[in-house]
Amino acid sequence: MDREASLRKIAMLCGKDSYDKIDEFTFNYTENIIKNFCAIDEIPVGLEETFIDMAAEIEKSGSFGENQNMGDIKSISEGDISMTFSDAKNDILSLKDFREQLENFRRPKW
């Protein structure tokens, strides 16, 4: 897997022109998650797009300094205007379910 190209794709999916330290962190973090879950040493070609999508989702759902995600709007009131946001960190549905894609590449641990 071409690390530089993957980092550029992750940054692009997160709405940035170039990758930064946060993209590098999520790249490494996602790589470890996939390798540990699938019990593999390298990310196979068939998982590269899933890897990039997963890394971008992890980055977008995380709270990295100024890029903190407020979450989706939970409720709006009109009198004296009030908006309530769901907590993005605790919103289980904020991350896509990648388990199905990863299961296809999972190897038994001995």
PDB file of N, CA and C in Angstrom:
ATOM      1  N   MET A   1       0.856  -1.168   0.000  1.00  0.00           N
ATOM      2  CA  MET A   1       0.000   0.000   0.000  1.00  0.00           C
ATOM      3  C   MET A   1       0.907   1.237   0.000  1.00  0.00           C
ATOM      4  N   ASP A   2       0.621   2.169  -0.878  1.00  0.00           N
ATOM      5  CA  ASP A   2       1.381   3.410  -0.988  1.00  0.00           C
ATOM      6  C   ASP A   2       0.936   4.372   0.108  1.00  0.00           C
ATOM      7  N   ARG A   3       1.787   4.562   1.113  1.00  0.00           N
ATOM      8  CA  ARG A   3       1.452   5.383   2.281  1.00  0.00           C
ATOM      9  C   ARG A   3       1.111   6.821   1.896  1.00  0.00           C
ATOM     10  N   GLU A   4       1.950   7.439   1.057  1.00  0.00           N
ATOM     11  CA  GLU A   4       1.735   8.841   0.661  1.00  0.00           C
ATOM     12  C   GLU A   4       0.398   9.021  -0.050  1.00  0.00           C
ATOM     13  N   ALA A   5       0.093   8.145  -0.982  1.00  0.00           N
ATOM     14  CA  ALA A   5      -1.169   8.250  -1.725  1.00  0.00           C
ATOM     15  C   ALA A   5      -2.352   8.046  -0.792  1.00  0.00           C
ATOM     16  N   SER A   6      -2.232   7.109   0.131  1.00  0.00           N
ATOM     17  CA  SER A   6      -3.309   6.856   1.089  1.00  0.00           C
ATOM     18  C   SER A   6      -3.521   8.054   2.006  1.00  0.00           C
ATOM     19  N   LEU A   7      -2.443   8.670   2.466  1.00  0.00           N
ATOM     20  CA  LEU A   7      -2.554   9.848   3.323  1.00  0.00           C
ATOM     21  C   LEU A   7      -3.230  11.003   2.577  1.00  0.00           C
ATOM     22  N   ARG A   8      -2.896  11.176   1.299  1.00  0.00           N
ATOM     23  CA  ARG A   8      -3.542  12.237   0.507  1.00  0.00           C
ATOM     24  C   ARG A   8      -5.034  11.967   0.358  1.00  0.00           C
ATOM     25  N   LYS A   9      -5.410  10.704   0.146  1.00  0.00           N
ATOM     26  CA  LYS A   9      -6.830  10.349   0.010  1.00  0.00           C
ATOM     27  C   LYS A   9      -7.582  10.575   1.313  1.00  0.00           C
ATOM     28  N   ILE A  10      -6.969  10.215   2.436  1.00  0.00           N
ATOM     29  CA  ILE A  10      -7.604  10.428   3.747  1.00  0.00           C
ATOM     30  C   ILE A  10      -7.831  11.922   3.967  1.00  0.00           C
ATOM     31  N   ALA A  11      -6.815  12.728   3.682  1.00  0.00           N
ATOM     32  CA  ALA A  11      -6.938  14.181   3.843  1.00  0.00           C
ATOM     33  C   ALA A  11      -8.051  14.721   2.943  1.00  0.00           C
ATOM     34  N   MET A  12      -8.105  14.260   1.703  1.00  0.00           N
ATOM     35  CA  MET A  12      -9.127  14.716   0.764  1.00  0.00           C
ATOM     36  C   MET A  12     -10.531  14.372   1.278  1.00  0.00           C
ATOM     37  N   LEU A  13     -10.718  13.162   1.788  1.00  0.00           N
ATOM     38  CA  LEU A  13     -12.017  12.760   2.318  1.00  0.00           C
ATOM     39  C   LEU A  13     -12.409  13.566   3.555  1.00  0.00           C
ATOM     40  N   CYS A  14     -11.418  14.114   4.236  1.00  0.00           N
ATOM     41  CA  CYS A  14     -11.681  14.945   5.417  1.00  0.00           C
ATOM     42  C   CYS A  14     -11.757  16.426   5.053  1.00  0.00           C
ATOM     43  N   GLY A  15     -11.725  16.728   3.751  1.00  0.00           N
ATOM     44  CA  GLY A  15     -11.895  18.108   3.300  1.00  0.00           C
ATOM     45  C   GLY A  15     -10.654  18.967   3.376  1.00  0.00           C
ATOM     46  N   LYS A  16      -9.479  18.354   3.323  1.00  0.00           N
ATOM     47  CA  LYS A  16      -8.226  19.111   3.401  1.00  0.00           C
ATOM     48  C   LYS A  16      -7.463  18.997   2.083  1.00  0.00           C
ATOM     49  N   ASP A  17      -6.621  20.002   1.811  1.00  0.00           N
ATOM     50  CA  ASP A  17      -5.824  20.010   0.590  1.00  0.00           C
ATOM     51  C   ASP A  17      -4.590  19.120   0.685  1.00  0.00           C
ATOM     52  N   SER A  18      -4.040  18.983   1.876  1.00  0.00           N
ATOM     53  CA  SER A  18      -2.866  18.132   2.067  1.00  0.00           C
ATOM     54  C   SER A  18      -2.965  17.459   3.437  1.00  0.00           C
ATOM     55  N   TYR A  19      -2.226  16.373   3.588  1.00  0.00           N
ATOM     56  CA  TYR A  19      -2.306  15.642   4.850  1.00  0.00           C
ATOM     57  C   TYR A  19      -1.446  16.292   5.926  1.00  0.00           C
ATOM     58  N   ASP A  20      -1.803  15.991   7.180  1.00  0.00           N
ATOM     59  CA  ASP A  20      -1.100  16.558   8.320  1.00  0.00           C
ATOM     60  C   ASP A  20      -0.862  15.464   9.364  1.00  0.00           C
ATOM     61  N   LYS A  21      -0.428  15.856  10.548  1.00  0.00           N
ATOM     62  CA  LYS A  21      -0.119  14.905  11.636  1.00  0.00           C
ATOM     63  C   LYS A  21      -1.350  14.101  12.054  1.00  0.00           C
ATOM     64  N   ILE A  22      -2.504  14.714  12.009  1.00  0.00           N
ATOM     65  CA  ILE A  22      -3.730  14.005  12.386  1.00  0.00           C
ATOM     66  C   ILE A  22      -4.004  12.876  11.404  1.00  0.00           C
ATOM     67  N   ASP A  23      -3.803  13.140  10.108  1.00  0.00           N
ATOM     68  CA  ASP A  23      -3.986  12.095   9.104  1.00  0.00           C
ATOM     69  C   ASP A  23      -2.981  10.966   9.310  1.00  0.00           C
ATOM     70  N   GLU A  24      -1.756  11.318   9.645  1.00  0.00           N
ATOM     71  CA  GLU A  24      -0.739  10.297   9.901  1.00  0.00           C
ATOM     72  C   GLU A  24      -1.107   9.450  11.112  1.00  0.00           C
ATOM     73  N   PHE A  25      -1.610  10.101  12.164  1.00  0.00           N
ATOM     74  CA  PHE A  25      -2.049   9.372  13.353  1.00  0.00           C
ATOM     75  C   PHE A  25      -3.184   8.413  13.003  1.00  0.00           C
ATOM     76  N   THR A  26      -4.213   8.910  12.301  1.00  0.00           N
ATOM     77  CA  THR A  26      -5.345   8.038  11.978  1.00  0.00           C
ATOM     78  C   THR A  26      -4.936   6.930  11.018  1.00  0.00           C
ATOM     79  N   PHE A  27      -3.962   7.194  10.150  1.00  0.00           N
ATOM     80  CA  PHE A  27      -3.434   6.146   9.267  1.00  0.00           C
ATOM     81  C   PHE A  27      -2.850   5.020  10.112  1.00  0.00           C
ATOM     82  N   ASN A  28      -1.939   5.364  11.028  1.00  0.00           N
ATOM     83  CA  ASN A  28      -1.298   4.358  11.888  1.00  0.00           C
ATOM     84  C   ASN A  28      -2.310   3.649  12.784  1.00  0.00           C
ATOM     85  N   TYR A  29      -3.225   4.413  13.346  1.00  0.00           N
ATOM     86  CA  TYR A  29      -4.243   3.861  14.238  1.00  0.00           C
ATOM     87  C   TYR A  29      -5.135   2.861  13.499  1.00  0.00           C
ATOM     88  N   THR A  30      -5.594   3.250  12.313  1.00  0.00           N
ATOM     89  CA  THR A  30      -6.455   2.369  11.510  1.00  0.00           C
ATOM     90  C   THR A  30      -5.699   1.137  11.052  1.00  0.00           C
ATOM     91  N   GLU A  31      -4.453   1.325  10.669  1.00  0.00           N
ATOM     92  CA  GLU A  31      -3.626   0.193  10.244  1.00  0.00           C
ATOM     93  C   GLU A  31      -3.504  -0.836  11.372  1.00  0.00           C
ATOM     94  N   ASN A  32      -3.267  -0.368  12.597  1.00  0.00           N
ATOM     95  CA  ASN A  32      -3.159  -1.278  13.741  1.00  0.00           C
ATOM     96  C   ASN A  32      -4.480  -1.974  14.038  1.00  0.00           C
ATOM     97  N   ILE A  33      -5.584  -1.248  13.948  1.00  0.00           N
ATOM     98  CA  ILE A  33      -6.895  -1.853  14.189  1.00  0.00           C
ATOM     99  C   ILE A  33      -7.139  -2.994  13.203  1.00  0.00           C
ATOM    100  N   ILE A  34      -6.915  -2.720  11.930  1.00  0.00           N
ATOM    101  CA  ILE A  34      -7.181  -3.727  10.900  1.00  0.00           C
ATOM    102  C   ILE A  34      -6.236  -4.919  11.035  1.00  0.00           C
ATOM    103  N   LYS A  35      -4.954  -4.652  11.240  1.00  0.00           N
ATOM    104  CA  LYS A  35      -3.987  -5.747  11.373  1.00  0.00           C
ATOM    105  C   LYS A  35      -4.300  -6.624  12.588  1.00  0.00           C
ATOM    106  N   ASN A  36      -4.660  -6.013  13.697  1.00  0.00           N
ATOM    107  CA  ASN A  36      -4.985  -6.787  14.898  1.00  0.00           C
ATOM    108  C   ASN A  36      -6.288  -7.558  14.739  1.00  0.00           C
ATOM    109  N   PHE A  37      -7.311  -6.934  14.160  1.00  0.00           N
ATOM    110  CA  PHE A  37      -8.594  -7.597  13.994  1.00  0.00           C
ATOM    111  C   PHE A  37      -8.483  -8.767  13.026  1.00  0.00           C
ATOM    112  N   CYS A  38      -7.775  -8.560  11.920  1.00  0.00           N
ATOM    113  CA  CYS A  38      -7.682  -9.590  10.880  1.00  0.00           C
ATOM    114  C   CYS A  38      -6.528 -10.557  11.114  1.00  0.00           C
ATOM    115  N   ALA A  39      -5.662 -10.300  12.089  1.00  0.00           N
ATOM    116  CA  ALA A  39      -4.481 -11.125  12.375  1.00  0.00           C
ATOM    117  C   ALA A  39      -3.605 -11.247  11.128  1.00  0.00           C
ATOM    118  N   ILE A  40      -3.291 -10.090  10.529  1.00  0.00           N
ATOM    119  CA  ILE A  40      -2.454 -10.044   9.326  1.00  0.00           C
ATOM    120  C   ILE A  40      -1.291  -9.084   9.560  1.00  0.00           C
ATOM    121  N   ASP A  41      -0.248  -9.216   8.739  1.00  0.00           N
ATOM    122  CA  ASP A  41       0.931  -8.359   8.873  1.00  0.00           C
ATOM    123  C   ASP A  41       0.918  -7.175   7.913  1.00  0.00           C
ATOM    124  N   GLU A  42       0.194  -7.305   6.806  1.00  0.00           N
ATOM    125  CA  GLU A  42       0.110  -6.238   5.813  1.00  0.00           C
ATOM    126  C   GLU A  42      -1.335  -6.059   5.380  1.00  0.00           C
ATOM    127  N   ILE A  43      -1.678  -4.830   4.988  1.00  0.00           N
ATOM    128  CA  ILE A  43      -3.024  -4.552   4.487  1.00  0.00           C
ATOM    129  C   ILE A  43      -3.095  -5.052   3.047  1.00  0.00           C
ATOM    130  N   PRO A  44      -3.973  -6.015   2.747  1.00  0.00           N
ATOM    131  CA  PRO A  44      -4.076  -6.520   1.378  1.00  0.00           C
ATOM    132  C   PRO A  44      -4.715  -5.502   0.435  1.00  0.00           C
ATOM    133  N   VAL A  45      -4.450  -5.650  -0.846  1.00  0.00           N
ATOM    134  CA  VAL A  45      -4.977  -4.736  -1.861  1.00  0.00           C
ATOM    135  C   VAL A  45      -6.498  -4.624  -1.764  1.00  0.00           C
ATOM    136  N   GLY A  46      -7.175  -5.713  -1.500  1.00  0.00           N
ATOM    137  CA  GLY A  46      -8.634  -5.707  -1.411  1.00  0.00           C
ATOM    138  C   GLY A  46      -9.196  -4.903  -0.253  1.00  0.00           C
ATOM    139  N   LEU A  47      -8.352  -4.553   0.711  1.00  0.00           N
ATOM    140  CA  LEU A  47      -8.809  -3.778   1.873  1.00  0.00           C
ATOM    141  C   LEU A  47      -8.359  -2.320   1.838  1.00  0.00           C
ATOM    142  N   GLU A  48      -7.648  -1.913   0.797  1.00  0.00           N
ATOM    143  CA  GLU A  48      -7.097  -0.558   0.762  1.00  0.00           C
ATOM    144  C   GLU A  48      -8.183   0.518   0.782  1.00  0.00           C
ATOM    145  N   GLU A  49      -9.220   0.378  -0.015  1.00  0.00           N
ATOM    146  CA  GLU A  49     -10.286   1.387  -0.032  1.00  0.00           C
ATOM    147  C   GLU A  49     -11.048   1.406   1.288  1.00  0.00           C
ATOM    148  N   THR A  50     -11.296   0.233   1.856  1.00  0.00           N
ATOM    149  CA  THR A  50     -11.947   0.147   3.162  1.00  0.00           C
ATOM    150  C   THR A  50     -11.070   0.813   4.218  1.00  0.00           C
ATOM    151  N   PHE A  51      -9.764   0.574   4.140  1.00  0.00           N
ATOM    152  CA  PHE A  51      -8.802   1.178   5.059  1.00  0.00           C
ATOM    153  C   PHE A  51      -8.888   2.705   5.003  1.00  0.00           C
ATOM    154  N   ILE A  52      -8.880   3.266   3.798  1.00  0.00           N
ATOM    155  CA  ILE A  52      -8.927   4.721   3.623  1.00  0.00           C
ATOM    156  C   ILE A  52     -10.252   5.282   4.135  1.00  0.00           C
ATOM    157  N   ASP A  53     -11.350   4.621   3.795  1.00  0.00           N
ATOM    158  CA  ASP A  53     -12.670   5.060   4.255  1.00  0.00           C
ATOM    159  C   ASP A  53     -12.757   5.002   5.778  1.00  0.00           C
ATOM    160  N   MET A  54     -12.238   3.934   6.360  1.00  0.00           N
ATOM    161  CA  MET A  54     -12.270   3.753   7.809  1.00  0.00           C
ATOM    162  C   MET A  54     -11.423   4.822   8.507  1.00  0.00           C
ATOM    163  N   ALA A  55     -10.237   5.098   7.976  1.00  0.00           N
ATOM    164  CA  ALA A  55      -9.366   6.117   8.574  1.00  0.00           C
ATOM    165  C   ALA A  55     -10.024   7.494   8.527  1.00  0.00           C
ATOM    166  N   ALA A  56     -10.648   7.816   7.408  1.00  0.00           N
ATOM    167  CA  ALA A  56     -11.325   9.118   7.282  1.00  0.00           C
ATOM    168  C   ALA A  56     -12.490   9.211   8.259  1.00  0.00           C
ATOM    169  N   GLU A  57     -13.257   8.131   8.410  1.00  0.00           N
ATOM    170  CA  GLU A  57     -14.378   8.130   9.352  1.00  0.00           C
ATOM    171  C   GLU A  57     -13.894   8.281  10.786  1.00  0.00           C
ATOM    172  N   ILE A  58     -12.793   7.614  11.118  1.00  0.00           N
ATOM    173  CA  ILE A  58     -12.235   7.728  12.466  1.00  0.00           C
ATOM    174  C   ILE A  58     -11.796   9.163  12.722  1.00  0.00           C
ATOM    175  N   GLU A  59     -11.130   9.755  11.738  1.00  0.00           N
ATOM    176  CA  GLU A  59     -10.676  11.138  11.909  1.00  0.00           C
ATOM    177  C   GLU A  59     -11.837  12.107  12.038  1.00  0.00           C
ATOM    178  N   LYS A  60     -12.852  11.951  11.192  1.00  0.00           N
ATOM    179  CA  LYS A  60     -13.993  12.869  11.227  1.00  0.00           C
ATOM    180  C   LYS A  60     -14.802  12.723  12.504  1.00  0.00           C
ATOM    181  N   SER A  61     -14.832  11.548  13.106  1.00  0.00           N
ATOM    182  CA  SER A  61     -15.626  11.344  14.314  1.00  0.00           C
ATOM    183  C   SER A  61     -14.858  11.676  15.590  1.00  0.00           C
ATOM    184  N   GLY A  62     -13.535  11.847  15.485  1.00  0.00           N
ATOM    185  CA  GLY A  62     -12.716  12.129  16.650  1.00  0.00           C
ATOM    186  C   GLY A  62     -12.732  13.588  17.023  1.00  0.00           C
ATOM    187  N   SER A  63     -12.148  13.891  18.166  1.00  0.00           N
ATOM    188  CA  SER A  63     -12.035  15.296  18.591  1.00  0.00           C
ATOM    189  C   SER A  63     -10.561  15.652  18.614  1.00  0.00           C
ATOM    190  N   PHE A  64     -10.091  16.219  17.524  1.00  0.00           N
ATOM    191  CA  PHE A  64      -8.691  16.581  17.375  1.00  0.00           C
ATOM    192  C   PHE A  64      -8.560  18.097  17.411  1.00  0.00           C
ATOM    193  N   GLY A  65      -8.381  18.664  18.600  1.00  0.00           N
ATOM    194  CA  GLY A  65      -8.150  20.096  18.741  1.00  0.00           C
ATOM    195  C   GLY A  65      -9.253  20.934  18.141  1.00  0.00           C
ATOM    196  N   GLU A  66      -8.909  21.803  17.184  1.00  0.00           N
ATOM    197  CA  GLU A  66      -9.873  22.728  16.599  1.00  0.00           C
ATOM    198  C   GLU A  66     -10.865  22.039  15.674  1.00  0.00           C
ATOM    199  N   ASN A  67     -10.591  20.804  15.308  1.00  0.00           N
ATOM    200  CA  ASN A  67     -11.473  20.085  14.394  1.00  0.00           C
ATOM    201  C   ASN A  67     -12.532  19.278  15.121  1.00  0.00           C
ATOM    202  N   GLN A  68     -12.862  19.637  16.346  1.00  0.00           N
ATOM    203  CA  GLN A  68     -13.830  18.869  17.112  1.00  0.00           C
ATOM    204  C   GLN A  68     -15.174  18.854  16.411  1.00  0.00           C
ATOM    205  N   ASN A  69     -15.719  17.661  16.307  1.00  0.00           N
ATOM    206  CA  ASN A  69     -17.016  17.484  15.686  1.00  0.00           C
ATOM    207  C   ASN A  69     -18.087  17.646  16.754  1.00  0.00           C
ATOM    208  N   MET A  70     -19.032  18.570  16.524  1.00  0.00           N
ATOM    209  CA  MET A  70     -20.085  18.814  17.504  1.00  0.00           C
ATOM    210  C   MET A  70     -21.141  17.727  17.469  1.00  0.00           C
ATOM    211  N   GLY A  71     -21.187  16.950  16.436  1.00  0.00           N
ATOM    212  CA  GLY A  71     -22.203  15.923  16.298  1.00  0.00           C
ATOM    213  C   GLY A  71     -23.392  16.444  15.521  1.00  0.00           C
ATOM    214  N   ASP A  72     -24.336  15.569  15.287  1.00  0.00           N
ATOM    215  CA  ASP A  72     -25.530  15.946  14.545  1.00  0.00           C
ATOM    216  C   ASP A  72     -26.473  16.747  15.431  1.00  0.00           C
ATOM    217  N   ILE A  73     -27.322  17.539  14.791  1.00  0.00           N
ATOM    218  CA  ILE A  73     -28.318  18.304  15.534  1.00  0.00           C
ATOM    219  C   ILE A  73     -29.337  17.330  16.105  1.00  0.00           C
ATOM    220  N   LYS A  74     -29.538  17.404  17.402  1.00  0.00           N
ATOM    221  CA  LYS A  74     -30.453  16.502  18.084  1.00  0.00           C
ATOM    222  C   LYS A  74     -31.842  17.123  18.185  1.00  0.00           C
ATOM    223  N   SER A  75     -31.909  18.433  18.487  1.00  0.00           N
ATOM    224  CA  SER A  75     -33.197  19.115  18.566  1.00  0.00           C
ATOM    225  C   SER A  75     -33.018  20.615  18.354  1.00  0.00           C
ATOM    226  N   ILE A  76     -34.087  21.250  17.873  1.00  0.00           N
ATOM    227  CA  ILE A  76     -34.110  22.700  17.662  1.00  0.00           C
ATOM    228  C   ILE A  76     -35.394  23.232  18.268  1.00  0.00           C
ATOM    229  N   SER A  77     -35.293  24.317  19.036  1.00  0.00           N
ATOM    230  CA  SER A  77     -36.470  25.002  19.582  1.00  0.00           C
ATOM    231  C   SER A  77     -36.513  26.396  18.984  1.00  0.00           C
ATOM    232  N   GLU A  78     -37.707  26.932  18.742  1.00  0.00           N
ATOM    233  CA  GLU A  78     -37.798  28.249  18.112  1.00  0.00           C
ATOM    234  C   GLU A  78     -37.832  29.396  19.113  1.00  0.00           C
ATOM    235  N   GLY A  79     -38.624  29.322  20.163  1.00  0.00           N
ATOM    236  CA  GLY A  79     -38.695  30.398  21.160  1.00  0.00           C
ATOM    237  C   GLY A  79     -37.359  30.560  21.856  1.00  0.00           C
ATOM    238  N   ASP A  80     -36.743  31.707  21.772  1.00  0.00           N
ATOM    239  CA  ASP A  80     -35.408  32.001  22.307  1.00  0.00           C
ATOM    240  C   ASP A  80     -34.335  31.085  21.705  1.00  0.00           C
ATOM    241  N   ILE A  81     -34.551  30.604  20.555  1.00  0.00           N
ATOM    242  CA  ILE A  81     -33.656  29.766  19.742  1.00  0.00           C
ATOM    243  C   ILE A  81     -32.720  28.888  20.573  1.00  0.00           C
ATOM    244  N   SER A  82     -32.894  27.601  20.474  1.00  0.00           N
ATOM    245  CA  SER A  82     -32.077  26.641  21.195  1.00  0.00           C
ATOM    246  C   SER A  82     -31.761  25.478  20.265  1.00  0.00           C
ATOM    247  N   MET A  83     -30.500  25.069  20.238  1.00  0.00           N
ATOM    248  CA  MET A  83     -30.084  23.908  19.444  1.00  0.00           C
ATOM    249  C   MET A  83     -29.348  22.946  20.354  1.00  0.00           C
ATOM    250  N   THR A  84     -29.635  21.667  20.225  1.00  0.00           N
ATOM    251  CA  THR A  84     -28.958  20.635  20.991  1.00  0.00           C
ATOM    252  C   THR A  84     -28.272  19.700  20.006  1.00  0.00           C
ATOM    253  N   PHE A  85     -27.002  19.398  20.284  1.00  0.00           N
ATOM    254  CA  PHE A  85     -26.229  18.511  19.419  1.00  0.00           C
ATOM    255  C   PHE A  85     -26.008  17.181  20.122  1.00  0.00           C
ATOM    256  N   SER A  86     -26.001  16.104  19.341  1.00  0.00           N
ATOM    257  CA  SER A  86     -25.670  14.807  19.927  1.00  0.00           C
ATOM    258  C   SER A  86     -24.173  14.776  20.166  1.00  0.00           C
ATOM    259  N   ASP A  87     -23.751  13.996  21.133  1.00  0.00           N
ATOM    260  CA  ASP A  87     -22.335  13.872  21.452  1.00  0.00           C
ATOM    261  C   ASP A  87     -21.701  12.946  20.426  1.00  0.00           C
ATOM    262  N   ALA A  88     -20.865  13.479  19.544  1.00  0.00           N
ATOM    263  CA  ALA A  88     -20.272  12.695  18.457  1.00  0.00           C
ATOM    264  C   ALA A  88     -19.398  11.563  18.966  1.00  0.00           C
ATOM    265  N   LYS A  89     -18.741  11.770  20.111  1.00  0.00           N
ATOM    266  CA  LYS A  89     -17.868  10.722  20.649  1.00  0.00           C
ATOM    267  C   LYS A  89     -18.666   9.499  21.080  1.00  0.00           C
ATOM    268  N   ASN A  90     -19.858   9.724  21.605  1.00  0.00           N
ATOM    269  CA  ASN A  90     -20.651   8.620  22.121  1.00  0.00           C
ATOM    270  C   ASN A  90     -21.690   8.119  21.136  1.00  0.00           C
ATOM    271  N   ASP A  91     -21.735   8.690  19.961  1.00  0.00           N
ATOM    272  CA  ASP A  91     -22.718   8.298  18.962  1.00  0.00           C
ATOM    273  C   ASP A  91     -22.212   7.077  18.208  1.00  0.00           C
ATOM    274  N   ILE A  92     -22.669   5.902  18.586  1.00  0.00           N
ATOM    275  CA  ILE A  92     -22.205   4.649  17.997  1.00  0.00           C
ATOM    276  C   ILE A  92     -22.487   4.604  16.498  1.00  0.00           C
ATOM    277  N   LEU A  93     -23.539   5.223  16.062  1.00  0.00           N
ATOM    278  CA  LEU A  93     -23.897   5.195  14.652  1.00  0.00           C
ATOM    279  C   LEU A  93     -23.056   6.146  13.812  1.00  0.00           C
ATOM    280  N   SER A  94     -22.172   6.930  14.429  1.00  0.00           N
ATOM    281  CA  SER A  94     -21.368   7.872  13.659  1.00  0.00           C
ATOM    282  C   SER A  94     -20.305   7.168  12.817  1.00  0.00           C
ATOM    283  N   LEU A  95     -19.867   6.001  13.237  1.00  0.00           N
ATOM    284  CA  LEU A  95     -18.925   5.225  12.428  1.00  0.00           C
ATOM    285  C   LEU A  95     -19.673   4.170  11.632  1.00  0.00           C
ATOM    286  N   LYS A  96     -19.259   3.999  10.377  1.00  0.00           N
ATOM    287  CA  LYS A  96     -19.855   2.955   9.553  1.00  0.00           C
ATOM    288  C   LYS A  96     -19.455   1.600  10.130  1.00  0.00           C
ATOM    289  N   ASP A  97     -20.208   0.577   9.796  1.00  0.00           N
ATOM    290  CA  ASP A  97     -19.867  -0.762  10.253  1.00  0.00           C
ATOM    291  C   ASP A  97     -18.927  -1.396   9.237  1.00  0.00           C
ATOM    292  N   PHE A  98     -17.660  -1.493   9.585  1.00  0.00           N
ATOM    293  CA  PHE A  98     -16.647  -2.052   8.698  1.00  0.00           C
ATOM    294  C   PHE A  98     -16.409  -3.538   8.966  1.00  0.00           C
ATOM    295  N   ARG A  99     -17.081  -4.072   9.955  1.00  0.00           N
ATOM    296  CA  ARG A  99     -16.837  -5.452  10.353  1.00  0.00           C
ATOM    297  C   ARG A  99     -17.037  -6.434   9.206  1.00  0.00           C
ATOM    298  N   GLU A 100     -18.088  -6.231   8.422  1.00  0.00           N
ATOM    299  CA  GLU A 100     -18.389  -7.153   7.318  1.00  0.00           C
ATOM    300  C   GLU A 100     -17.246  -7.212   6.304  1.00  0.00           C
ATOM    301  N   GLN A 101     -16.695  -6.042   5.959  1.00  0.00           N
ATOM    302  CA  GLN A 101     -15.579  -6.024   5.016  1.00  0.00           C
ATOM    303  C   GLN A 101     -14.331  -6.666   5.615  1.00  0.00           C
ATOM    304  N   LEU A 102     -14.088  -6.395   6.899  1.00  0.00           N
ATOM    305  CA  LEU A 102     -12.898  -6.926   7.553  1.00  0.00           C
ATOM    306  C   LEU A 102     -12.972  -8.434   7.769  1.00  0.00           C
ATOM    307  N   GLU A 103     -14.164  -8.944   8.019  1.00  0.00           N
ATOM    308  CA  GLU A 103     -14.341 -10.395   8.249  1.00  0.00           C
ATOM    309  C   GLU A 103     -13.830 -11.222   7.067  1.00  0.00           C
ATOM    310  N   ASN A 104     -13.956 -10.693   5.850  1.00  0.00           N
ATOM    311  CA  ASN A 104     -13.504 -11.421   4.663  1.00  0.00           C
ATOM    312  C   ASN A 104     -11.993 -11.637   4.647  1.00  0.00           C
ATOM    313  N   PHE A 105     -11.241 -10.838   5.394  1.00  0.00           N
ATOM    314  CA  PHE A 105      -9.785 -10.926   5.403  1.00  0.00           C
ATOM    315  C   PHE A 105      -9.239 -11.435   6.735  1.00  0.00           C
ATOM    316  N   ARG A 106     -10.133 -11.793   7.635  1.00  0.00           N
ATOM    317  CA  ARG A 106      -9.727 -12.224   8.970  1.00  0.00           C
ATOM    318  C   ARG A 106      -9.152 -13.638   8.931  1.00  0.00           C
ATOM    319  N   ARG A 107      -8.040 -13.821   9.633  1.00  0.00           N
ATOM    320  CA  ARG A 107      -7.399 -15.119   9.724  1.00  0.00           C
ATOM    321  C   ARG A 107      -7.472 -15.604  11.174  1.00  0.00           C
ATOM    322  N   PRO A 108      -7.565 -16.886  11.369  1.00  0.00           N
ATOM    323  CA  PRO A 108      -7.612 -17.379  12.753  1.00  0.00           C
ATOM    324  C   PRO A 108      -6.292 -17.114  13.479  1.00  0.00           C
ATOM    325  N   LYS A 109      -6.383 -16.778  14.754  1.00  0.00           N
ATOM    326  CA  LYS A 109      -5.167 -16.565  15.567  1.00  0.00           C
ATOM    327  C   LYS A 109      -4.818 -17.889  16.215  1.00  0.00           C
ATOM    328  N   TRP A 110      -3.553 -18.235  16.192  1.00  0.00           N
ATOM    329  CA  TRP A 110      -3.113 -19.507  16.770  1.00  0.00           C
ATOM    330  C   TRP A 110      -2.470 -19.294  18.074  1.00  0.00           C
TER     331      TRP A 110
END
